[in-house]
Structure formats: structure tokens, C-alpha cells
Amino acid sequence: MKLLIIDKKIVIFGVGNQFRQDDGIGLRILEKISENPIILKNTDYIFEISMGVFEIEKLLKLHNNIDLAIFIDAVSSKKVQAGTVLILTLDDLPGDKTDLCTTTHGITLSDILQMIKEIHPEALPKEIIILGIVVPNIGYGQYLSQTAIKAIPVVERLIMDIILNKPLISKTYSIKE
């Protein structure tokens, strides 16, 4: 099998808190994709953002001229069913925290990316894709729910499709129970 070599600077960010149950899903997915040779061969950097989303601005400024940044994060939502993977762009993110919330601690991924867009627009990648996994549990604890665990291979496949420029069928994917 011949690998498709993409001439893009691609970075992947796994965002989460491993001590807030399913909020750690972005970090767990990073562990999984770090073992995937296709993803590793076609990605310039993989970053873990575990406790402070402010690290994102520093990393984007340090590794400038990024063509594509993929962010993987847990999402809490009252409107979207747990077990759904959302494919979002920066423009898709809500300005308030009433619908989709990608944090369990004050400032969201959306807030940080909007701040960077306003203050340091030159640091923003040309394209941003957020893979938001709607999760059921964000209480204290270190274990992922079965719903979150079932999302891992779905998100890994989506990342491979994105970096290999394969067309995505939908902007939402349900985890099969």
C-alpha cells in the first residue's frame, strides 16, 4: 500500500483533563493515534493540552505557518446526544456556552481560538478542524465511559481521512452502541 504524502504542515492537539472522566478523551485519543504510522507520517506535530488551554496560543505562535490544525476535545451538550462526534470549524463554534461547551474549567477551546483570532490572527492556522466528542460524564475521576471509549476508533478514522484529504460524508457521526 502506497501512502499519500501530503505537502501540508499539519498539527494535532488533544485537549482535556484526565482527572475529569470523559474530559480526558482528547488525551486518550492522542495516545492511540501516536501508535498509528499513517497519522505519524503525515503529521508534523502532536501536542497534548492537559490542564491549560492557554498553551495553545504559545504553540501556535511557536510553530507558525500551520496549514491545518486538528483539535480533539470533549464536548458537553444538552442538545446533542452523548456518543456523537462533531466536526466543527472555528466559525461553527458558539459564542456562548449555552449549547456546546468544550471545557470543564472556565475558558473554552472556542474562547481561546476566538481570542487568538482577535489578538494574534497571524498565529492561526489556515484551516482549523475541531473534532468534538459529546460525552456523558465530566465529573471527577480518571475513567472514561463506554461511550467515550467507543469514540476512539471513530475519531482515529476521521483524523486519517482528514489528513489524507478524503471527503467526509457528514459533520456528525454517531457512535454505534
N, C-alpha and C. Protein backbone atom coordinates (compact mmCIF):
# COMPACT_ATOMS: atom_id res chain seq x y z
N MET A 1 0.84 -1.18 0.00
CA MET A 1 0.00 0.00 0.00
C MET A 1 0.89 1.24 0.00
N LYS A 2 0.66 2.14 -0.93
CA LYS A 2 1.44 3.37 -1.01
C LYS A 2 0.75 4.45 -0.20
N LEU A 3 1.52 5.13 0.65
CA LEU A 3 0.97 6.21 1.46
C LEU A 3 0.92 7.49 0.65
N LEU A 4 -0.14 8.23 0.83
CA LEU A 4 -0.28 9.52 0.19
C LEU A 4 0.47 10.55 1.03
N ILE A 5 1.44 11.20 0.45
CA ILE A 5 2.22 12.20 1.17
C ILE A 5 1.57 13.56 0.92
N ILE A 6 1.17 14.19 1.97
CA ILE A 6 0.51 15.48 1.90
C ILE A 6 1.55 16.56 2.16
N ASP A 7 1.63 17.55 1.30
CA ASP A 7 2.59 18.62 1.49
C ASP A 7 1.92 19.77 2.24
N LYS A 8 1.51 19.49 3.46
CA LYS A 8 0.88 20.46 4.34
C LYS A 8 1.53 20.35 5.70
N LYS A 9 1.60 21.47 6.39
CA LYS A 9 2.05 21.44 7.77
C LYS A 9 0.81 21.20 8.63
N ILE A 10 0.76 20.00 9.23
CA ILE A 10 -0.41 19.57 10.00
C ILE A 10 -0.01 19.34 11.44
N VAL A 11 -0.82 19.87 12.35
CA VAL A 11 -0.62 19.62 13.78
C VAL A 11 -1.94 19.13 14.38
N ILE A 12 -1.80 18.30 15.40
CA ILE A 12 -2.96 17.76 16.10
C ILE A 12 -2.82 18.11 17.57
N PHE A 13 -3.90 18.63 18.15
CA PHE A 13 -3.95 18.96 19.57
C PHE A 13 -4.99 18.06 20.24
N GLY A 14 -4.59 17.38 21.27
CA GLY A 14 -5.53 16.66 22.12
C GLY A 14 -5.73 17.49 23.37
N VAL A 15 -6.97 17.89 23.62
CA VAL A 15 -7.29 18.77 24.74
C VAL A 15 -8.08 17.99 25.78
N GLY A 16 -7.73 18.17 27.05
CA GLY A 16 -8.52 17.50 28.06
C GLY A 16 -7.90 17.49 29.43
N ASN A 17 -8.67 16.99 30.36
CA ASN A 17 -8.24 16.86 31.75
C ASN A 17 -8.48 15.40 32.14
N GLN A 18 -7.42 14.67 32.33
CA GLN A 18 -7.53 13.24 32.63
C GLN A 18 -8.18 12.96 33.99
N PHE A 19 -8.34 13.99 34.82
CA PHE A 19 -8.95 13.81 36.14
C PHE A 19 -10.42 14.18 36.16
N ARG A 20 -11.01 14.46 34.97
CA ARG A 20 -12.43 14.81 34.87
C ARG A 20 -13.15 13.82 33.94
N GLN A 21 -13.00 12.55 34.23
CA GLN A 21 -13.66 11.47 33.49
C GLN A 21 -13.53 11.64 31.98
N ASP A 22 -14.66 11.76 31.28
CA ASP A 22 -14.65 11.80 29.82
C ASP A 22 -13.97 13.04 29.23
N ASP A 23 -13.71 14.05 30.03
CA ASP A 23 -13.00 15.21 29.53
C ASP A 23 -11.58 14.81 29.08
N GLY A 24 -11.11 13.67 29.53
CA GLY A 24 -9.80 13.18 29.13
C GLY A 24 -9.78 12.47 27.78
N ILE A 25 -10.89 12.44 27.06
CA ILE A 25 -10.96 11.69 25.80
C ILE A 25 -9.97 12.21 24.76
N GLY A 26 -9.76 13.52 24.68
CA GLY A 26 -8.80 14.06 23.71
C GLY A 26 -7.39 13.55 23.95
N LEU A 27 -7.03 13.40 25.22
CA LEU A 27 -5.70 12.89 25.58
C LEU A 27 -5.58 11.41 25.27
N ARG A 28 -6.65 10.65 25.54
CA ARG A 28 -6.63 9.22 25.25
C ARG A 28 -6.54 8.96 23.76
N ILE A 29 -7.23 9.77 22.97
CA ILE A 29 -7.17 9.61 21.52
C ILE A 29 -5.76 9.93 21.02
N LEU A 30 -5.10 10.92 21.61
CA LEU A 30 -3.71 11.20 21.24
C LEU A 30 -2.82 9.99 21.46
N GLU A 31 -3.00 9.32 22.60
CA GLU A 31 -2.22 8.11 22.87
C GLU A 31 -2.42 7.09 21.75
N LYS A 32 -3.67 6.91 21.35
CA LYS A 32 -3.99 5.92 20.32
C LYS A 32 -3.40 6.31 18.96
N ILE A 33 -3.56 7.57 18.54
CA ILE A 33 -3.08 7.95 17.22
C ILE A 33 -1.56 8.05 17.18
N SER A 34 -0.93 8.17 18.34
CA SER A 34 0.54 8.20 18.38
C SER A 34 1.14 6.85 18.00
N GLU A 35 0.31 5.82 17.92
CA GLU A 35 0.74 4.49 17.50
C GLU A 35 0.41 4.22 16.04
N ASN A 36 -0.24 5.16 15.37
CA ASN A 36 -0.70 4.97 14.00
C ASN A 36 0.34 5.51 13.02
N PRO A 37 1.01 4.63 12.27
CA PRO A 37 2.09 5.09 11.38
C PRO A 37 1.62 6.02 10.26
N ILE A 38 0.42 5.86 9.78
CA ILE A 38 -0.09 6.75 8.72
C ILE A 38 -0.26 8.16 9.26
N ILE A 39 -0.86 8.27 10.44
CA ILE A 39 -1.04 9.59 11.04
C ILE A 39 0.30 10.22 11.37
N LEU A 40 1.20 9.44 11.95
CA LEU A 40 2.52 9.98 12.31
C LEU A 40 3.30 10.45 11.09
N LYS A 41 3.22 9.70 10.00
CA LYS A 41 3.97 10.04 8.78
C LYS A 41 3.45 11.33 8.14
N ASN A 42 2.16 11.62 8.31
CA ASN A 42 1.53 12.76 7.64
C ASN A 42 1.26 13.94 8.57
N THR A 43 1.78 13.89 9.77
CA THR A 43 1.55 14.94 10.75
C THR A 43 2.89 15.50 11.21
N ASP A 44 2.97 16.81 11.31
CA ASP A 44 4.21 17.44 11.74
C ASP A 44 4.39 17.39 13.26
N TYR A 45 3.33 17.68 14.00
CA TYR A 45 3.41 17.70 15.47
C TYR A 45 2.11 17.19 16.07
N ILE A 46 2.24 16.56 17.23
CA ILE A 46 1.08 16.16 18.03
C ILE A 46 1.31 16.73 19.42
N PHE A 47 0.35 17.55 19.88
CA PHE A 47 0.50 18.23 21.16
C PHE A 47 -0.59 17.81 22.14
N GLU A 48 -0.21 17.61 23.37
CA GLU A 48 -1.15 17.34 24.46
C GLU A 48 -1.38 18.64 25.22
N ILE A 49 -2.65 19.03 25.30
CA ILE A 49 -3.03 20.22 26.07
C ILE A 49 -3.86 19.71 27.24
N SER A 50 -3.21 19.54 28.38
CA SER A 50 -3.87 18.89 29.51
C SER A 50 -4.16 19.84 30.66
N MET A 51 -4.63 20.61 30.95
CA MET A 51 -4.90 21.43 32.13
C MET A 51 -4.93 22.90 31.79
N GLY A 52 -4.44 23.34 30.67
CA GLY A 52 -4.45 24.77 30.40
C GLY A 52 -4.50 25.06 28.92
N VAL A 53 -5.65 25.54 28.45
CA VAL A 53 -5.79 25.81 27.02
C VAL A 53 -4.98 27.02 26.58
N PHE A 54 -4.43 27.78 27.52
CA PHE A 54 -3.60 28.92 27.14
C PHE A 54 -2.32 28.47 26.44
N GLU A 55 -1.93 27.21 26.62
CA GLU A 55 -0.76 26.66 25.94
C GLU A 55 -0.93 26.70 24.42
N ILE A 56 -2.16 26.66 23.96
CA ILE A 56 -2.44 26.61 22.52
C ILE A 56 -1.87 27.83 21.82
N GLU A 57 -2.09 29.02 22.37
CA GLU A 57 -1.58 30.23 21.74
C GLU A 57 -0.06 30.18 21.60
N LYS A 58 0.61 29.80 22.66
CA LYS A 58 2.07 29.72 22.65
C LYS A 58 2.56 28.74 21.57
N LEU A 59 1.93 27.58 21.47
CA LEU A 59 2.34 26.57 20.50
C LEU A 59 2.06 27.02 19.07
N LEU A 60 0.92 27.67 18.85
CA LEU A 60 0.60 28.16 17.50
C LEU A 60 1.59 29.23 17.05
N LYS A 61 1.97 30.10 17.97
CA LYS A 61 2.94 31.15 17.62
C LYS A 61 4.33 30.55 17.39
N LEU A 62 4.69 29.54 18.16
CA LEU A 62 5.99 28.90 18.03
C LEU A 62 6.11 28.11 16.73
N HIS A 63 5.04 27.43 16.35
CA HIS A 63 5.02 26.59 15.14
C HIS A 63 4.13 27.27 14.10
N ASN A 64 4.56 28.41 13.60
CA ASN A 64 3.72 29.21 12.71
C ASN A 64 3.61 28.58 11.32
N ASN A 65 2.82 29.21 10.49
CA ASN A 65 2.57 28.75 9.12
C ASN A 65 1.98 27.35 9.08
N ILE A 66 1.06 27.09 9.97
CA ILE A 66 0.38 25.79 10.02
C ILE A 66 -0.75 25.81 8.99
N ASP A 67 -0.77 24.79 8.16
CA ASP A 67 -1.85 24.68 7.16
C ASP A 67 -3.14 24.14 7.78
N LEU A 68 -3.00 23.14 8.63
CA LEU A 68 -4.17 22.50 9.23
C LEU A 68 -3.89 22.16 10.69
N ALA A 69 -4.77 22.60 11.57
CA ALA A 69 -4.72 22.20 12.97
C ALA A 69 -6.00 21.43 13.28
N ILE A 70 -5.82 20.25 13.84
CA ILE A 70 -6.95 19.42 14.27
C ILE A 70 -6.96 19.42 15.79
N PHE A 71 -8.07 19.81 16.38
CA PHE A 71 -8.24 19.81 17.82
C PHE A 71 -9.22 18.69 18.19
N ILE A 72 -8.85 17.90 19.19
CA ILE A 72 -9.71 16.82 19.68
C ILE A 72 -10.10 17.17 21.10
N ASP A 73 -11.39 17.27 21.37
CA ASP A 73 -11.82 17.69 22.69
C ASP A 73 -13.18 17.09 23.03
N ALA A 74 -13.41 16.94 24.32
CA ALA A 74 -14.72 16.51 24.80
C ALA A 74 -15.68 17.69 24.70
N VAL A 75 -16.95 17.38 24.48
CA VAL A 75 -17.99 18.39 24.39
C VAL A 75 -19.12 17.99 25.32
N SER A 76 -19.60 18.97 26.06
CA SER A 76 -20.78 18.77 26.88
C SER A 76 -21.93 19.50 26.20
N SER A 77 -23.05 18.83 26.03
CA SER A 77 -24.17 19.47 25.34
C SER A 77 -25.49 18.95 25.89
N LYS A 78 -26.45 19.86 26.00
CA LYS A 78 -27.80 19.46 26.39
C LYS A 78 -28.66 19.18 25.16
N LYS A 79 -28.16 19.57 23.98
CA LYS A 79 -28.93 19.43 22.74
C LYS A 79 -28.46 18.30 21.84
N VAL A 80 -27.21 17.86 22.00
CA VAL A 80 -26.66 16.82 21.13
C VAL A 80 -26.42 15.58 21.98
N GLN A 81 -26.83 14.44 21.47
CA GLN A 81 -26.74 13.18 22.21
C GLN A 81 -25.30 12.76 22.46
N ALA A 82 -25.04 12.30 23.69
CA ALA A 82 -23.72 11.75 24.01
C ALA A 82 -23.43 10.61 23.05
N GLY A 83 -22.19 10.50 22.63
CA GLY A 83 -21.82 9.47 21.67
C GLY A 83 -21.83 9.99 20.24
N THR A 84 -21.91 11.31 20.10
CA THR A 84 -21.86 11.94 18.79
C THR A 84 -20.50 12.61 18.63
N VAL A 85 -19.88 12.44 17.47
CA VAL A 85 -18.65 13.14 17.15
C VAL A 85 -19.02 14.25 16.18
N LEU A 86 -18.65 15.47 16.54
CA LEU A 86 -18.95 16.64 15.72
C LEU A 86 -17.69 17.09 15.01
N ILE A 87 -17.82 17.43 13.76
CA ILE A 87 -16.71 18.02 13.01
C ILE A 87 -17.05 19.49 12.84
N LEU A 88 -16.26 20.33 13.51
CA LEU A 88 -16.55 21.76 13.55
C LEU A 88 -15.38 22.57 13.02
N THR A 89 -15.68 23.76 12.53
CA THR A 89 -14.66 24.73 12.18
C THR A 89 -14.73 25.85 13.21
N LEU A 90 -13.82 26.78 13.14
CA LEU A 90 -13.82 27.90 14.07
C LEU A 90 -15.13 28.68 13.95
N ASP A 91 -15.66 28.81 12.75
CA ASP A 91 -16.92 29.53 12.55
C ASP A 91 -18.13 28.80 13.12
N ASP A 92 -18.03 27.48 13.30
CA ASP A 92 -19.13 26.70 13.84
C ASP A 92 -19.26 26.82 15.36
N LEU A 93 -18.19 27.25 16.02
CA LEU A 93 -18.21 27.27 17.47
C LEU A 93 -19.13 28.37 17.98
N PRO A 94 -19.94 28.05 18.99
CA PRO A 94 -20.87 29.05 19.51
C PRO A 94 -20.12 30.13 20.30
N GLY A 95 -20.67 31.33 20.29
CA GLY A 95 -20.07 32.42 21.05
C GLY A 95 -20.40 32.35 22.53
N ASP A 96 -21.43 31.59 22.87
CA ASP A 96 -21.77 31.45 24.28
C ASP A 96 -21.64 29.99 24.70
N LYS A 97 -21.88 29.72 25.96
CA LYS A 97 -21.69 28.37 26.49
C LYS A 97 -23.02 27.66 26.72
N THR A 98 -24.07 28.09 26.00
CA THR A 98 -25.39 27.52 26.25
C THR A 98 -25.64 26.23 25.49
N ASP A 99 -24.99 26.03 24.37
CA ASP A 99 -25.25 24.84 23.57
C ASP A 99 -24.12 23.83 23.68
N LEU A 100 -22.98 24.13 23.12
CA LEU A 100 -21.83 23.22 23.15
C LEU A 100 -20.77 23.83 24.03
N CYS A 101 -20.28 23.07 24.96
CA CYS A 101 -19.22 23.56 25.83
C CYS A 101 -18.06 22.58 25.77
N THR A 102 -16.88 23.07 25.40
CA THR A 102 -15.72 22.20 25.27
C THR A 102 -14.75 22.38 26.43
N THR A 103 -15.29 22.53 27.61
CA THR A 103 -14.42 22.69 28.77
C THR A 103 -15.13 22.26 30.04
N THR A 104 -14.36 21.95 31.04
CA THR A 104 -14.92 21.73 32.37
C THR A 104 -14.31 22.76 33.33
N HIS A 105 -13.68 23.77 32.78
CA HIS A 105 -12.97 24.75 33.60
C HIS A 105 -12.95 26.12 32.95
N GLY A 106 -13.90 26.96 33.23
CA GLY A 106 -13.90 28.36 32.85
C GLY A 106 -13.76 28.75 31.39
N ILE A 107 -12.60 28.66 30.82
CA ILE A 107 -12.37 29.12 29.45
C ILE A 107 -12.38 27.93 28.49
N THR A 108 -13.06 28.10 27.38
CA THR A 108 -13.22 27.01 26.43
C THR A 108 -12.20 27.08 25.31
N LEU A 109 -12.10 26.00 24.59
CA LEU A 109 -11.28 25.96 23.38
C LEU A 109 -11.77 27.05 22.42
N SER A 110 -13.08 27.19 22.31
CA SER A 110 -13.66 28.22 21.46
C SER A 110 -13.20 29.61 21.90
N ASP A 111 -13.23 29.87 23.22
CA ASP A 111 -12.78 31.17 23.74
C ASP A 111 -11.33 31.44 23.35
N ILE A 112 -10.47 30.45 23.54
CA ILE A 112 -9.05 30.63 23.23
C ILE A 112 -8.84 30.89 21.75
N LEU A 113 -9.48 30.10 20.90
CA LEU A 113 -9.30 30.28 19.46
C LEU A 113 -9.85 31.64 19.00
N GLN A 114 -10.97 32.07 19.56
CA GLN A 114 -11.52 33.40 19.22
C GLN A 114 -10.58 34.50 19.70
N MET A 115 -9.98 34.32 20.88
CA MET A 115 -9.03 35.30 21.40
C MET A 115 -7.81 35.40 20.48
N ILE A 116 -7.28 34.26 20.06
CA ILE A 116 -6.13 34.26 19.16
C ILE A 116 -6.50 34.93 17.84
N LYS A 117 -7.70 34.65 17.36
CA LYS A 117 -8.16 35.25 16.11
C LYS A 117 -8.17 36.79 16.20
N GLU A 118 -8.55 37.31 17.36
CA GLU A 118 -8.61 38.77 17.55
C GLU A 118 -7.24 39.38 17.84
N ILE A 119 -6.45 38.73 18.68
CA ILE A 119 -5.20 39.33 19.16
C ILE A 119 -3.99 38.97 18.29
N HIS A 120 -3.90 37.72 17.88
CA HIS A 120 -2.76 37.24 17.08
C HIS A 120 -3.26 36.47 15.86
N PRO A 121 -3.99 37.11 14.95
CA PRO A 121 -4.55 36.37 13.81
C PRO A 121 -3.47 35.70 12.95
N GLU A 122 -2.28 36.25 12.95
CA GLU A 122 -1.19 35.66 12.17
C GLU A 122 -0.78 34.28 12.70
N ALA A 123 -1.12 33.98 13.94
CA ALA A 123 -0.76 32.69 14.55
C ALA A 123 -1.78 31.60 14.20
N LEU A 124 -2.96 31.99 13.74
CA LEU A 124 -3.98 30.98 13.43
C LEU A 124 -3.58 30.15 12.22
N PRO A 125 -3.81 28.85 12.30
CA PRO A 125 -3.59 28.00 11.12
C PRO A 125 -4.53 28.41 9.98
N LYS A 126 -4.16 28.05 8.77
CA LYS A 126 -5.01 28.36 7.62
C LYS A 126 -6.37 27.67 7.74
N GLU A 127 -6.36 26.45 8.29
CA GLU A 127 -7.61 25.69 8.47
C GLU A 127 -7.60 25.07 9.86
N ILE A 128 -8.75 25.15 10.52
CA ILE A 128 -8.92 24.56 11.85
C ILE A 128 -10.11 23.62 11.81
N ILE A 129 -9.89 22.40 12.28
CA ILE A 129 -10.98 21.43 12.42
C ILE A 129 -11.00 20.99 13.88
N ILE A 130 -12.18 21.06 14.47
CA ILE A 130 -12.35 20.60 15.85
C ILE A 130 -13.18 19.33 15.80
N LEU A 131 -12.63 18.26 16.36
CA LEU A 131 -13.38 17.02 16.50
C LEU A 131 -13.88 16.99 17.94
N GLY A 132 -15.14 17.29 18.10
CA GLY A 132 -15.75 17.35 19.43
C GLY A 132 -16.53 16.09 19.71
N ILE A 133 -16.17 15.41 20.78
CA ILE A 133 -16.84 14.18 21.17
C ILE A 133 -17.82 14.51 22.28
N VAL A 134 -19.11 14.39 22.01
CA VAL A 134 -20.12 14.68 23.03
C VAL A 134 -20.11 13.52 24.02
N VAL A 135 -19.81 13.86 25.27
CA VAL A 135 -19.59 12.84 26.29
C VAL A 135 -20.63 12.96 27.42
N PRO A 136 -20.90 11.84 28.10
CA PRO A 136 -21.91 11.87 29.17
C PRO A 136 -21.38 12.27 30.54
N ASN A 137 -20.09 12.06 30.82
CA ASN A 137 -19.59 12.24 32.18
C ASN A 137 -18.39 13.19 32.23
N ILE A 138 -18.52 14.26 33.00
CA ILE A 138 -17.38 15.15 33.21
C ILE A 138 -17.18 15.46 34.70
N GLY A 139 -17.54 14.50 35.52
CA GLY A 139 -17.29 14.65 36.96
C GLY A 139 -15.85 14.30 37.27
N TYR A 140 -15.54 14.22 38.56
CA TYR A 140 -14.18 13.87 38.96
C TYR A 140 -13.96 12.37 38.83
N GLY A 141 -12.80 12.00 38.33
CA GLY A 141 -12.45 10.60 38.16
C GLY A 141 -11.52 10.44 36.97
N GLN A 142 -10.89 9.28 36.88
CA GLN A 142 -9.91 9.05 35.82
C GLN A 142 -10.35 8.03 34.79
N TYR A 143 -11.60 7.63 34.81
CA TYR A 143 -12.05 6.58 33.89
C TYR A 143 -12.99 7.15 32.85
N LEU A 144 -12.82 6.65 31.63
CA LEU A 144 -13.71 7.05 30.54
C LEU A 144 -14.94 6.16 30.52
N SER A 145 -16.07 6.74 30.13
CA SER A 145 -17.30 5.97 29.95
C SER A 145 -17.15 5.07 28.72
N GLN A 146 -18.01 4.08 28.61
CA GLN A 146 -18.01 3.22 27.43
C GLN A 146 -18.32 4.02 26.17
N THR A 147 -19.17 5.03 26.30
CA THR A 147 -19.48 5.89 25.16
C THR A 147 -18.21 6.57 24.65
N ALA A 148 -17.41 7.12 25.55
CA ALA A 148 -16.17 7.80 25.16
C ALA A 148 -15.18 6.80 24.56
N ILE A 149 -15.06 5.64 25.17
CA ILE A 149 -14.13 4.62 24.66
C ILE A 149 -14.50 4.20 23.23
N LYS A 150 -15.80 4.08 22.97
CA LYS A 150 -16.25 3.69 21.63
C LYS A 150 -15.98 4.77 20.59
N ALA A 151 -15.77 6.00 21.03
CA ALA A 151 -15.48 7.09 20.10
C ALA A 151 -14.05 7.06 19.59
N ILE A 152 -13.15 6.41 20.30
CA ILE A 152 -11.73 6.45 19.95
C ILE A 152 -11.45 5.97 18.53
N PRO A 153 -11.90 4.78 18.11
CA PRO A 153 -11.59 4.37 16.73
C PRO A 153 -12.31 5.22 15.68
N VAL A 154 -13.47 5.76 16.01
CA VAL A 154 -14.20 6.62 15.07
C VAL A 154 -13.39 7.89 14.81
N VAL A 155 -12.88 8.49 15.88
CA VAL A 155 -12.11 9.72 15.74
C VAL A 155 -10.77 9.44 15.04
N GLU A 156 -10.15 8.32 15.36
CA GLU A 156 -8.89 7.96 14.68
C GLU A 156 -9.12 7.85 13.17
N ARG A 157 -10.20 7.21 12.78
CA ARG A 157 -10.52 7.08 11.35
C ARG A 157 -10.78 8.44 10.72
N LEU A 158 -11.49 9.31 11.41
CA LEU A 158 -11.76 10.65 10.90
C LEU A 158 -10.47 11.44 10.71
N ILE A 159 -9.56 11.33 11.65
CA ILE A 159 -8.28 12.03 11.54
C ILE A 159 -7.52 11.52 10.32
N MET A 160 -7.49 10.23 10.13
CA MET A 160 -6.81 9.68 8.94
C MET A 160 -7.45 10.21 7.67
N ASP A 161 -8.78 10.21 7.61
CA ASP A 161 -9.46 10.71 6.42
C ASP A 161 -9.15 12.19 6.19
N ILE A 162 -9.12 12.98 7.25
CA ILE A 162 -8.85 14.41 7.11
C ILE A 162 -7.44 14.65 6.60
N ILE A 163 -6.46 14.00 7.21
CA ILE A 163 -5.08 14.29 6.81
C ILE A 163 -4.74 13.71 5.44
N LEU A 164 -5.48 12.70 5.01
CA LEU A 164 -5.27 12.13 3.68
C LEU A 164 -6.19 12.74 2.63
N ASN A 165 -6.86 13.84 3.01
CA ASN A 165 -7.75 14.59 2.11
C ASN A 165 -8.90 13.76 1.55
N LYS A 166 -9.38 12.81 2.32
CA LYS A 166 -10.55 12.04 1.88
C LYS A 166 -11.80 12.84 2.22
N PRO A 167 -12.81 12.79 1.36
CA PRO A 167 -14.03 13.56 1.65
C PRO A 167 -14.77 12.99 2.87
N LEU A 168 -15.26 13.89 3.70
CA LEU A 168 -16.05 13.48 4.86
C LEU A 168 -17.51 13.46 4.46
N ILE A 169 -18.19 12.43 4.88
CA ILE A 169 -19.59 12.23 4.49
C ILE A 169 -20.53 13.16 5.24
N SER A 170 -20.18 13.48 6.48
CA SER A 170 -21.09 14.24 7.32
C SER A 170 -20.30 15.10 8.29
N LYS A 171 -20.98 16.02 8.97
CA LYS A 171 -20.35 16.81 10.03
C LYS A 171 -20.67 16.24 11.40
N THR A 172 -21.46 15.16 11.44
CA THR A 172 -21.75 14.47 12.70
C THR A 172 -21.68 12.97 12.47
N TYR A 173 -21.11 12.29 13.44
CA TYR A 173 -21.01 10.84 13.39
C TYR A 173 -21.45 10.29 14.73
N SER A 174 -22.35 9.31 14.70
CA SER A 174 -22.83 8.68 15.93
C SER A 174 -22.01 7.45 16.22
N ILE A 175 -21.72 7.28 17.49
CA ILE A 175 -21.00 6.08 17.93
C ILE A 175 -22.04 4.96 18.00
N LYS A 176 -21.74 3.84 17.38
CA LYS A 176 -22.66 2.70 17.41
C LYS A 176 -22.57 2.01 18.76
N GLU A 177 -23.69 1.84 19.38
CA GLU A 177 -23.74 1.16 20.69
C GLU A 177 -23.64 -0.34 20.52
